[in-house]
Amino acid sequence: MCRALFALVCAAALLVASDCQQQASDNAAVPIQELPSFSTVQACVPFNILIEPSGTSSGVAYGLQVEAEPQVASAIKATVGGDTLRLETGSFITRQPIKAVVYLPADRLLALDMLGFGANAYIAEGFRPSNFSLRLSSGTGGAFVFNMTTDSASVQTQSTGDVVLTGSYRTVTVSSSGISSLYVGGVTESADLQLSGISNVYVQPASDSVTIGGTASGISTVQYSQGQCAVQSAFLFTSPCEQTSSISLQMPVPSWTQGLTAVGSFSCGVAEGFLAPPQLLPSFQQPSFQFPYSSWLRLPRSS
């Protein structure tokens, strides 16, 4: 029987409005490092980051805001070259949260490369680039893209983390060779899935005319709520496609990393170091991360 529920292993609670107002006030007191223009973010750090559209609240077009203990802030290195922002860090020890926010214009985020260790990236709603590319290397955490609008999106993952894309995408291509769960919502024309490894893919098309194609050479399942699924399996007489009446998605609440020991160099070239397991505090999110609906977002199949 078709499974009707997809629940990411993420926190479900939302902050109340007063908490968000207090957090906005706290963030406003933290200076923002203004940066040259960039369109690609390479996150090579071992802690969670948030990427937000710049505007009146940030006061800069391109920037990085870090709220952390002095030894952490001084260890973080942000450099821009060749239209790419690279986030790297050296050694540090902290018991406090690390709050790192990247700002750039809503139409400029073309790519996110995650090369860190076990860290998550959260992309706030409001981005509308012409196209978008998401790449996750092995050992990284998850990536969560909220309500992006773009013509085409591509995802390449070797990670064991979860990937969530919501918004509006004419076409989406996915290449997965790790052990991961991927949710794609808002596809309007087609999705192409190239799956190896062990992947659970959940597709919520915008209409019944959407086509879902590709190949699955590993142990993979493709659940979809509507449209036409023709993903080819490497195993005879089997299909990874499984239509379900609905898909329920537990929206993640962004969390900062807290309590981390990083020893060595964590760079976008060769990283040499080790980490103590981080602890996560519940949600230090910006007001824009307040979802205007329940923390459970039910996505019914169109009739």
C-alpha atoms as a PDB file:
ATOM      1  CA  MET A   1       0.000   0.000   0.000  1.00  0.00           C
ATOM      2  CA  CYS A   2       1.240   3.432  -0.866  1.00  0.00           C
ATOM      3  CA  ARG A   3       2.733   5.357   1.975  1.00  0.00           C
ATOM      4  CA  ALA A   4       0.986   8.667   2.531  1.00  0.00           C
ATOM      5  CA  LEU A   5       3.369  10.399   4.865  1.00  0.00           C
ATOM      6  CA  PHE A   6       6.803  11.909   4.493  1.00  0.00           C
ATOM      7  CA  ALA A   7       8.251  13.291   7.692  1.00  0.00           C
ATOM      8  CA  LEU A   8      11.736  14.744   7.789  1.00  0.00           C
ATOM      9  CA  VAL A   9      13.570  14.282  11.040  1.00  0.00           C
ATOM     10  CA  CYS A  10      13.442  17.952  11.948  1.00  0.00           C
ATOM     11  CA  ALA A  11      11.986  20.093  14.724  1.00  0.00           C
ATOM     12  CA  ALA A  12       8.336  21.101  14.286  1.00  0.00           C
ATOM     13  CA  ALA A  13       7.735  23.946  16.725  1.00  0.00           C
ATOM     14  CA  LEU A  14       7.502  27.560  15.622  1.00  0.00           C
ATOM     15  CA  LEU A  15       8.613  30.520  17.676  1.00  0.00           C
ATOM     16  CA  VAL A  16       5.939  32.883  18.901  1.00  0.00           C
ATOM     17  CA  ALA A  17       5.828  36.406  17.495  1.00  0.00           C
ATOM     18  CA  SER A  18       7.376  37.981  20.571  1.00  0.00           C
ATOM     19  CA  ASP A  19      10.384  35.668  20.330  1.00  0.00           C
ATOM     20  CA  CYS A  20      10.876  36.615  16.688  1.00  0.00           C
ATOM     21  CA  GLN A  21      10.639  40.311  17.481  1.00  0.00           C
ATOM     22  CA  GLN A  22      13.269  39.907  20.173  1.00  0.00           C
ATOM     23  CA  GLN A  23      15.523  37.956  17.815  1.00  0.00           C
ATOM     24  CA  ALA A  24      15.158  40.630  15.127  1.00  0.00           C
ATOM     25  CA  SER A  25      16.181  43.243  17.661  1.00  0.00           C
ATOM     26  CA  ASP A  26      19.191  41.165  18.710  1.00  0.00           C
ATOM     27  CA  ASN A  27      20.309  40.610  15.111  1.00  0.00           C
ATOM     28  CA  ALA A  28      19.996  44.301  14.321  1.00  0.00           C
ATOM     29  CA  ALA A  29      22.727  45.022  16.888  1.00  0.00           C
ATOM     30  CA  VAL A  30      25.194  42.673  15.194  1.00  0.00           C
ATOM     31  CA  PRO A  31      27.260  44.373  12.460  1.00  0.00           C
ATOM     32  CA  ILE A  32      27.143  43.003   8.916  1.00  0.00           C
ATOM     33  CA  GLN A  33      30.403  42.579   7.024  1.00  0.00           C
ATOM     34  CA  GLU A  34      29.842  44.087   3.582  1.00  0.00           C
ATOM     35  CA  LEU A  35      31.205  41.938   0.749  1.00  0.00           C
ATOM     36  CA  PRO A  36      31.835  42.271  -3.007  1.00  0.00           C
ATOM     37  CA  SER A  37      29.130  40.863  -5.286  1.00  0.00           C
ATOM     38  CA  PHE A  38      28.774  37.084  -5.685  1.00  0.00           C
ATOM     39  CA  SER A  39      26.229  34.595  -7.018  1.00  0.00           C
ATOM     40  CA  THR A  40      27.599  31.285  -5.675  1.00  0.00           C
ATOM     41  CA  VAL A  41      28.000  30.349  -2.019  1.00  0.00           C
ATOM     42  CA  GLN A  42      30.501  27.656  -1.040  1.00  0.00           C
ATOM     43  CA  ALA A  43      29.844  26.641   2.549  1.00  0.00           C
ATOM     44  CA  CYS A  44      32.891  24.772   3.840  1.00  0.00           C
ATOM     45  CA  VAL A  45      32.240  25.356   7.541  1.00  0.00           C
ATOM     46  CA  PRO A  46      31.086  22.762  10.095  1.00  0.00           C
ATOM     47  CA  PHE A  47      28.131  24.782  11.392  1.00  0.00           C
ATOM     48  CA  ASN A  48      24.688  25.668  10.070  1.00  0.00           C
ATOM     49  CA  ILE A  49      24.193  28.754   7.916  1.00  0.00           C
ATOM     50  CA  LEU A  50      21.206  30.804   6.817  1.00  0.00           C
ATOM     51  CA  ILE A  51      21.000  32.541   3.415  1.00  0.00           C
ATOM     52  CA  GLU A  52      18.539  35.428   3.123  1.00  0.00           C
ATOM     53  CA  PRO A  53      17.569  37.933   0.420  1.00  0.00           C
ATOM     54  CA  SER A  54      19.114  41.300   1.183  1.00  0.00           C
ATOM     55  CA  GLY A  55      16.921  44.343   1.619  1.00  0.00           C
ATOM     56  CA  THR A  56      16.064  47.125   3.992  1.00  0.00           C
ATOM     57  CA  SER A  57      16.570  44.912   7.047  1.00  0.00           C
ATOM     58  CA  SER A  58      20.169  44.025   6.150  1.00  0.00           C
ATOM     59  CA  GLY A  59      21.201  47.462   4.872  1.00  0.00           C
ATOM     60  CA  VAL A  60      23.737  45.939   2.445  1.00  0.00           C
ATOM     61  CA  ALA A  61      23.376  44.152  -0.894  1.00  0.00           C
ATOM     62  CA  TYR A  62      26.002  41.485  -0.177  1.00  0.00           C
ATOM     63  CA  GLY A  63      27.142  40.645   3.316  1.00  0.00           C
ATOM     64  CA  LEU A  64      27.862  38.219   6.135  1.00  0.00           C
ATOM     65  CA  GLN A  65      26.538  38.561   9.664  1.00  0.00           C
ATOM     66  CA  VAL A  66      28.127  36.446  12.383  1.00  0.00           C
ATOM     67  CA  GLU A  67      26.938  36.439  15.965  1.00  0.00           C
ATOM     68  CA  ALA A  68      29.227  34.225  18.023  1.00  0.00           C
ATOM     69  CA  GLU A  69      31.960  34.329  20.638  1.00  0.00           C
ATOM     70  CA  PRO A  70      35.013  36.383  19.585  1.00  0.00           C
ATOM     71  CA  GLN A  71      37.245  33.361  19.046  1.00  0.00           C
ATOM     72  CA  VAL A  72      34.680  31.910  16.632  1.00  0.00           C
ATOM     73  CA  ALA A  73      34.042  35.131  14.725  1.00  0.00           C
ATOM     74  CA  SER A  74      37.770  35.705  14.271  1.00  0.00           C
ATOM     75  CA  ALA A  75      38.298  32.133  13.011  1.00  0.00           C
ATOM     76  CA  ILE A  76      35.678  32.452  10.255  1.00  0.00           C
ATOM     77  CA  LYS A  77      37.035  33.563   6.897  1.00  0.00           C
ATOM     78  CA  ALA A  78      34.783  34.959   4.148  1.00  0.00           C
ATOM     79  CA  THR A  79      36.421  35.612   0.773  1.00  0.00           C
ATOM     80  CA  VAL A  80      34.936  36.491  -2.611  1.00  0.00           C
ATOM     81  CA  GLY A  81      36.655  35.541  -5.855  1.00  0.00           C
ATOM     82  CA  GLY A  82      35.351  34.708  -9.299  1.00  0.00           C
ATOM     83  CA  ASP A  83      31.771  35.540  -8.266  1.00  0.00           C
ATOM     84  CA  THR A  84      31.953  32.942  -5.454  1.00  0.00           C
ATOM     85  CA  LEU A  85      31.717  33.512  -1.706  1.00  0.00           C
ATOM     86  CA  ARG A  86      33.772  30.974   0.223  1.00  0.00           C
ATOM     87  CA  LEU A  87      33.063  30.418   3.899  1.00  0.00           C
ATOM     88  CA  GLU A  88      35.946  28.735   5.727  1.00  0.00           C
ATOM     89  CA  THR A  89      37.194  28.497   9.288  1.00  0.00           C
ATOM     90  CA  GLY A  90      40.127  27.549  11.454  1.00  0.00           C
ATOM     91  CA  SER A  91      40.141  26.053  14.946  1.00  0.00           C
ATOM     92  CA  PHE A  92      37.864  27.203  17.745  1.00  0.00           C
ATOM     93  CA  ILE A  93      36.040  25.979  20.834  1.00  0.00           C
ATOM     94  CA  THR A  94      32.678  27.398  21.849  1.00  0.00           C
ATOM     95  CA  ARG A  95      29.759  26.555  24.091  1.00  0.00           C
ATOM     96  CA  GLN A  96      27.570  29.259  22.572  1.00  0.00           C
ATOM     97  CA  PRO A  97      25.443  29.342  19.389  1.00  0.00           C
ATOM     98  CA  ILE A  98      27.063  30.241  16.072  1.00  0.00           C
ATOM     99  CA  LYS A  99      24.665  32.424  14.092  1.00  0.00           C
ATOM    100  CA  ALA A 100      25.876  32.964  10.527  1.00  0.00           C
ATOM    101  CA  VAL A 101      23.661  34.715   7.965  1.00  0.00           C
ATOM    102  CA  VAL A 102      24.611  35.366   4.328  1.00  0.00           C
ATOM    103  CA  TYR A 103      22.856  38.180   2.449  1.00  0.00           C
ATOM    104  CA  LEU A 104      22.593  38.752  -1.302  1.00  0.00           C
ATOM    105  CA  PRO A 105      19.951  40.117  -3.711  1.00  0.00           C
ATOM    106  CA  ALA A 106      16.922  37.916  -4.382  1.00  0.00           C
ATOM    107  CA  ASP A 107      17.801  37.374  -8.054  1.00  0.00           C
ATOM    108  CA  ARG A 108      21.501  36.606  -7.542  1.00  0.00           C
ATOM    109  CA  LEU A 109      21.655  33.249  -5.743  1.00  0.00           C
ATOM    110  CA  LEU A 110      22.578  30.921  -8.617  1.00  0.00           C
ATOM    111  CA  ALA A 111      24.357  28.133  -6.720  1.00  0.00           C
ATOM    112  CA  LEU A 112      25.036  26.704  -3.277  1.00  0.00           C
ATOM    113  CA  ASP A 113      27.895  24.237  -2.801  1.00  0.00           C
ATOM    114  CA  MET A 114      27.951  22.487   0.563  1.00  0.00           C
ATOM    115  CA  LEU A 115      31.414  21.167   1.382  1.00  0.00           C
ATOM    116  CA  GLY A 116      31.277  21.301   5.167  1.00  0.00           C
ATOM    117  CA  PHE A 117      30.967  18.536   7.733  1.00  0.00           C
ATOM    118  CA  GLY A 118      27.510  17.615   9.004  1.00  0.00           C
ATOM    119  CA  ALA A 119      26.150  21.150   8.748  1.00  0.00           C
ATOM    120  CA  ASN A 120      22.807  22.276   7.318  1.00  0.00           C
ATOM    121  CA  ALA A 121      22.039  25.199   5.036  1.00  0.00           C
ATOM    122  CA  TYR A 122      18.715  27.040   5.094  1.00  0.00           C
ATOM    123  CA  ILE A 123      17.682  29.271   2.185  1.00  0.00           C
ATOM    124  CA  ALA A 124      14.945  31.685   3.214  1.00  0.00           C
ATOM    125  CA  GLU A 125      11.923  32.373   1.051  1.00  0.00           C
ATOM    126  CA  GLY A 126      11.968  35.195  -1.470  1.00  0.00           C
ATOM    127  CA  PHE A 127      14.779  34.193  -3.838  1.00  0.00           C
ATOM    128  CA  ARG A 128      13.936  34.319  -7.558  1.00  0.00           C
ATOM    129  CA  PRO A 129      17.087  33.575  -9.612  1.00  0.00           C
ATOM    130  CA  SER A 130      16.959  32.666 -13.312  1.00  0.00           C
ATOM    131  CA  ASN A 131      18.257  29.191 -12.403  1.00  0.00           C
ATOM    132  CA  PHE A 132      19.625  27.488  -9.302  1.00  0.00           C
ATOM    133  CA  SER A 133      22.127  24.711  -8.599  1.00  0.00           C
ATOM    134  CA  LEU A 134      22.537  22.851  -5.301  1.00  0.00           C
ATOM    135  CA  ARG A 135      25.513  20.548  -4.714  1.00  0.00           C
ATOM    136  CA  LEU A 136      26.141  18.539  -1.543  1.00  0.00           C
ATOM    137  CA  SER A 137      29.352  16.569  -1.053  1.00  0.00           C
ATOM    138  CA  SER A 138      29.677  13.436   1.051  1.00  0.00           C
ATOM    139  CA  GLY A 139      29.708  14.106   4.757  1.00  0.00           C
ATOM    140  CA  THR A 140      27.602  17.248   4.605  1.00  0.00           C
ATOM    141  CA  GLY A 141      24.243  17.711   6.251  1.00  0.00           C
ATOM    142  CA  GLY A 142      20.974  18.785   4.674  1.00  0.00           C
ATOM    143  CA  ALA A 143      19.775  21.684   2.555  1.00  0.00           C
ATOM    144  CA  PHE A 144      16.372  23.317   2.847  1.00  0.00           C
ATOM    145  CA  VAL A 145      15.141  25.751   0.183  1.00  0.00           C
ATOM    146  CA  PHE A 146      11.948  27.590   1.053  1.00  0.00           C
ATOM    147  CA  ASN A 147       9.596  28.983  -1.612  1.00  0.00           C
ATOM    148  CA  MET A 148      12.131  29.763  -4.316  1.00  0.00           C
ATOM    149  CA  THR A 149      10.905  30.795  -7.776  1.00  0.00           C
ATOM    150  CA  THR A 150      13.158  29.883 -10.703  1.00  0.00           C
ATOM    151  CA  ASP A 151      12.992  28.460 -14.211  1.00  0.00           C
ATOM    152  CA  SER A 152      15.213  25.460 -13.552  1.00  0.00           C
ATOM    153  CA  ALA A 153      16.836  23.858 -10.531  1.00  0.00           C
ATOM    154  CA  SER A 154      19.422  21.089 -10.303  1.00  0.00           C
ATOM    155  CA  VAL A 155      20.416  19.040  -7.267  1.00  0.00           C
ATOM    156  CA  GLN A 156      23.538  16.891  -7.004  1.00  0.00           C
ATOM    157  CA  THR A 157      23.988  15.103  -3.707  1.00  0.00           C
ATOM    158  CA  GLN A 158      26.407  12.556  -2.289  1.00  0.00           C
ATOM    159  CA  SER A 159      25.295  13.393   1.217  1.00  0.00           C
ATOM    160  CA  THR A 160      23.342  11.457   3.808  1.00  0.00           C
ATOM    161  CA  GLY A 161      21.354  14.578   4.681  1.00  0.00           C
ATOM    162  CA  ASP A 162      17.836  15.551   3.664  1.00  0.00           C
ATOM    163  CA  VAL A 163      17.127  17.930   0.788  1.00  0.00           C
ATOM    164  CA  VAL A 164      13.918  19.963   0.552  1.00  0.00           C
ATOM    165  CA  LEU A 165      12.913  22.278  -2.305  1.00  0.00           C
ATOM    166  CA  THR A 166       9.634  24.177  -2.173  1.00  0.00           C
ATOM    167  CA  GLY A 167       8.422  26.950  -4.451  1.00  0.00           C
ATOM    168  CA  SER A 168       7.934  27.073  -8.222  1.00  0.00           C
ATOM    169  CA  TYR A 169      10.280  25.307 -10.668  1.00  0.00           C
ATOM    170  CA  ARG A 170       9.590  24.714 -14.370  1.00  0.00           C
ATOM    171  CA  THR A 171      12.124  21.879 -14.485  1.00  0.00           C
ATOM    172  CA  VAL A 172      14.111  20.062 -11.808  1.00  0.00           C
ATOM    173  CA  THR A 173      16.996  17.626 -12.289  1.00  0.00           C
ATOM    174  CA  VAL A 174      18.236  15.459  -9.428  1.00  0.00           C
ATOM    175  CA  SER A 175      21.385  13.342  -9.266  1.00  0.00           C
ATOM    176  CA  SER A 176      21.707  11.379  -6.027  1.00  0.00           C
ATOM    177  CA  SER A 177      24.404   8.861  -5.133  1.00  0.00           C
ATOM    178  CA  GLY A 178      24.193   9.021  -1.358  1.00  0.00           C
ATOM    179  CA  ILE A 179      21.754   7.781   1.238  1.00  0.00           C
ATOM    180  CA  SER A 180      19.218  10.542   1.466  1.00  0.00           C
ATOM    181  CA  SER A 181      15.630  11.719   1.344  1.00  0.00           C
ATOM    182  CA  LEU A 182      14.686  14.394  -1.171  1.00  0.00           C
ATOM    183  CA  TYR A 183      11.448  16.359  -1.378  1.00  0.00           C
ATOM    184  CA  VAL A 184      10.643  18.476  -4.432  1.00  0.00           C
ATOM    185  CA  GLY A 185       7.480  20.568  -4.492  1.00  0.00           C
ATOM    186  CA  GLY A 186       6.151  22.968  -7.104  1.00  0.00           C
ATOM    187  CA  VAL A 187       7.448  21.435 -10.358  1.00  0.00           C
ATOM    188  CA  THR A 188       5.378  22.795 -13.248  1.00  0.00           C
ATOM    189  CA  GLU A 189       6.754  20.910 -16.293  1.00  0.00           C
ATOM    190  CA  SER A 190       9.183  18.046 -15.680  1.00  0.00           C
ATOM    191  CA  ALA A 191      11.513  16.354 -13.202  1.00  0.00           C
ATOM    192  CA  ASP A 192      14.485  14.211 -14.243  1.00  0.00           C
ATOM    193  CA  LEU A 193      15.823  11.856 -11.560  1.00  0.00           C
ATOM    194  CA  GLN A 194      19.159  10.038 -11.798  1.00  0.00           C
ATOM    195  CA  LEU A 195      19.307   7.884  -8.687  1.00  0.00           C
ATOM    196  CA  SER A 196      21.992   5.546  -7.417  1.00  0.00           C
ATOM    197  CA  GLY A 197      22.791   4.637  -3.853  1.00  0.00           C
ATOM    198  CA  ILE A 198      19.754   4.588  -1.569  1.00  0.00           C
ATOM    199  CA  SER A 199      17.329   7.436  -2.182  1.00  0.00           C
ATOM    200  CA  ASN A 200      13.756   8.183  -1.186  1.00  0.00           C
ATOM    201  CA  VAL A 201      12.373  10.894  -3.450  1.00  0.00           C
ATOM    202  CA  TYR A 202       9.049  12.650  -2.907  1.00  0.00           C
ATOM    203  CA  VAL A 203       7.689  14.755  -5.758  1.00  0.00           C
ATOM    204  CA  GLN A 204       4.721  17.113  -5.418  1.00  0.00           C
ATOM    205  CA  PRO A 205       4.033  18.394  -8.961  1.00  0.00           C
ATOM    206  CA  ALA A 206       2.013  21.540  -9.529  1.00  0.00           C
ATOM    207  CA  SER A 207      -0.342  19.783 -11.971  1.00  0.00           C
ATOM    208  CA  ASP A 208      -1.243  16.400 -13.408  1.00  0.00           C
ATOM    209  CA  SER A 209       0.562  17.228 -16.676  1.00  0.00           C
ATOM    210  CA  VAL A 210       4.028  17.120 -15.072  1.00  0.00           C
ATOM    211  CA  THR A 211       6.297  14.284 -16.228  1.00  0.00           C
ATOM    212  CA  ILE A 212       8.775  12.509 -13.943  1.00  0.00           C
ATOM    213  CA  GLY A 213      11.505  10.547 -15.725  1.00  0.00           C
ATOM    214  CA  GLY A 214      15.037   9.265 -15.270  1.00  0.00           C
ATOM    215  CA  THR A 215      16.749   6.101 -14.053  1.00  0.00           C
ATOM    216  CA  ALA A 216      17.218   4.362 -10.705  1.00  0.00           C
ATOM    217  CA  SER A 217      20.206   2.031 -10.479  1.00  0.00           C
ATOM    218  CA  GLY A 218      20.271   1.778  -6.700  1.00  0.00           C
ATOM    219  CA  ILE A 219      17.656   0.991  -4.079  1.00  0.00           C
ATOM    220  CA  SER A 220      15.372   3.962  -4.606  1.00  0.00           C
ATOM    221  CA  THR A 221      11.710   4.860  -4.366  1.00  0.00           C
ATOM    222  CA  VAL A 222       9.891   7.741  -6.029  1.00  0.00           C
ATOM    223  CA  GLN A 223       6.614   8.777  -4.430  1.00  0.00           C
ATOM    224  CA  TYR A 224       4.535  11.316  -6.323  1.00  0.00           C
ATOM    225  CA  SER A 225       1.105  12.807  -5.765  1.00  0.00           C
ATOM    226  CA  GLN A 226       0.139  13.516  -9.379  1.00  0.00           C
ATOM    227  CA  GLY A 227       1.565  13.641 -12.894  1.00  0.00           C
ATOM    228  CA  GLN A 228       3.162  10.857 -14.934  1.00  0.00           C
ATOM    229  CA  CYS A 229       6.113   8.893 -13.512  1.00  0.00           C
ATOM    230  CA  ALA A 230       8.303   6.795 -15.812  1.00  0.00           C
ATOM    231  CA  VAL A 231      11.575   6.403 -13.891  1.00  0.00           C
ATOM    232  CA  GLN A 232      13.340   3.292 -15.201  1.00  0.00           C
ATOM    233  CA  SER A 233      14.687   0.737 -12.720  1.00  0.00           C
ATOM    234  CA  ALA A 234      17.866  -1.302 -13.110  1.00  0.00           C
ATOM    235  CA  PHE A 235      15.909  -4.292 -11.809  1.00  0.00           C
ATOM    236  CA  LEU A 236      13.659  -6.170 -14.217  1.00  0.00           C
ATOM    237  CA  PHE A 237       9.895  -6.051 -13.754  1.00  0.00           C
ATOM    238  CA  THR A 238      10.061  -3.402 -11.043  1.00  0.00           C
ATOM    239  CA  SER A 239       9.420   0.316 -10.962  1.00  0.00           C
ATOM    240  CA  PRO A 240      10.520   2.808  -8.314  1.00  0.00           C
ATOM    241  CA  CYS A 241       7.429   4.934  -9.038  1.00  0.00           C
ATOM    242  CA  GLU A 242       4.716   4.844  -6.407  1.00  0.00           C
ATOM    243  CA  GLN A 243       1.715   7.138  -6.610  1.00  0.00           C
ATOM    244  CA  THR A 244       0.201   8.240  -3.336  1.00  0.00           C
ATOM    245  CA  SER A 245      -2.950  10.162  -2.524  1.00  0.00           C
ATOM    246  CA  SER A 246      -1.073  12.847  -0.632  1.00  0.00           C
ATOM    247  CA  ILE A 247       2.320  13.811   0.719  1.00  0.00           C
ATOM    248  CA  SER A 248       2.667  15.429   4.126  1.00  0.00           C
ATOM    249  CA  LEU A 249       5.813  17.395   4.828  1.00  0.00           C
ATOM    250  CA  GLN A 250       6.962  18.405   8.270  1.00  0.00           C
ATOM    251  CA  MET A 251       8.569  21.780   7.643  1.00  0.00           C
ATOM    252  CA  PRO A 252      11.930  22.102   9.392  1.00  0.00           C
ATOM    253  CA  VAL A 253      12.602  24.889  11.823  1.00  0.00           C
ATOM    254  CA  PRO A 254      16.087  26.339  11.276  1.00  0.00           C
ATOM    255  CA  SER A 255      18.495  25.802  14.137  1.00  0.00           C
ATOM    256  CA  TRP A 256      21.881  27.262  14.881  1.00  0.00           C
ATOM    257  CA  THR A 257      24.803  25.043  15.836  1.00  0.00           C
ATOM    258  CA  GLN A 258      25.888  25.275  19.470  1.00  0.00           C
ATOM    259  CA  GLY A 259      28.631  23.667  21.521  1.00  0.00           C
ATOM    260  CA  LEU A 260      31.255  22.889  18.890  1.00  0.00           C
ATOM    261  CA  THR A 261      34.952  22.088  19.033  1.00  0.00           C
ATOM    262  CA  ALA A 262      36.677  22.489  15.661  1.00  0.00           C
ATOM    263  CA  VAL A 263      40.350  21.577  15.437  1.00  0.00           C
ATOM    264  CA  GLY A 264      42.281  22.073  12.213  1.00  0.00           C
ATOM    265  CA  SER A 265      41.514  23.825   8.945  1.00  0.00           C
ATOM    266  CA  PHE A 266      38.098  23.660   7.303  1.00  0.00           C
ATOM    267  CA  SER A 267      38.646  25.113   3.857  1.00  0.00           C
ATOM    268  CA  CYS A 268      37.070  24.766   0.426  1.00  0.00           C
ATOM    269  CA  GLY A 269      40.249  23.092  -0.817  1.00  0.00           C
ATOM    270  CA  VAL A 270      41.582  20.400   1.494  1.00  0.00           C
ATOM    271  CA  ALA A 271      40.090  20.311   4.976  1.00  0.00           C
ATOM    272  CA  GLU A 272      42.186  18.759   7.728  1.00  0.00           C
ATOM    273  CA  GLY A 273      40.669  18.615  11.154  1.00  0.00           C
ATOM    274  CA  PHE A 274      38.178  16.960  13.448  1.00  0.00           C
ATOM    275  CA  LEU A 275      35.024  17.969  15.268  1.00  0.00           C
ATOM    276  CA  ALA A 276      33.272  17.256  18.512  1.00  0.00           C
ATOM    277  CA  PRO A 277      29.590  16.474  17.875  1.00  0.00           C
ATOM    278  CA  PRO A 278      27.588  19.715  17.907  1.00  0.00           C
ATOM    279  CA  GLN A 279      24.462  20.259  19.914  1.00  0.00           C
ATOM    280  CA  LEU A 280      21.501  22.066  18.373  1.00  0.00           C
ATOM    281  CA  LEU A 281      19.442  24.734  20.039  1.00  0.00           C
ATOM    282  CA  PRO A 282      15.833  25.097  18.895  1.00  0.00           C
ATOM    283  CA  SER A 283      15.422  27.794  16.265  1.00  0.00           C
ATOM    284  CA  PHE A 284      17.150  31.116  16.254  1.00  0.00           C
ATOM    285  CA  GLN A 285      15.332  32.036  13.063  1.00  0.00           C
ATOM    286  CA  GLN A 286      14.625  35.371  11.462  1.00  0.00           C
ATOM    287  CA  PRO A 287      11.004  36.606  11.356  1.00  0.00           C
ATOM    288  CA  SER A 288      10.834  35.648   7.666  1.00  0.00           C
ATOM    289  CA  PHE A 289      11.078  32.029   8.756  1.00  0.00           C
ATOM    290  CA  GLN A 290       7.698  32.212  10.455  1.00  0.00           C
ATOM    291  CA  PHE A 291       5.554  29.991   8.270  1.00  0.00           C
ATOM    292  CA  PRO A 292       2.018  31.391   7.839  1.00  0.00           C
ATOM    293  CA  TYR A 293       0.576  27.899   8.188  1.00  0.00           C
ATOM    294  CA  SER A 294       0.771  24.957  10.529  1.00  0.00           C
ATOM    295  CA  SER A 295       4.118  23.274  11.028  1.00  0.00           C
ATOM    296  CA  TRP A 296       2.533  20.332   9.223  1.00  0.00           C
ATOM    297  CA  LEU A 297       2.003  21.267   5.583  1.00  0.00           C
ATOM    298  CA  ARG A 298      -0.380  18.824   3.955  1.00  0.00           C
ATOM    299  CA  LEU A 299      -0.130  18.709   0.181  1.00  0.00           C
ATOM    300  CA  PRO A 300      -3.280  17.052  -1.225  1.00  0.00           C
ATOM    301  CA  ARG A 301      -3.426  15.531  -4.666  1.00  0.00           C
ATOM    302  CA  SER A 302      -5.343  17.631  -7.184  1.00  0.00           C
ATOM    303  CA  SER A 303      -8.504  16.000  -8.400  1.00  0.00           C
END
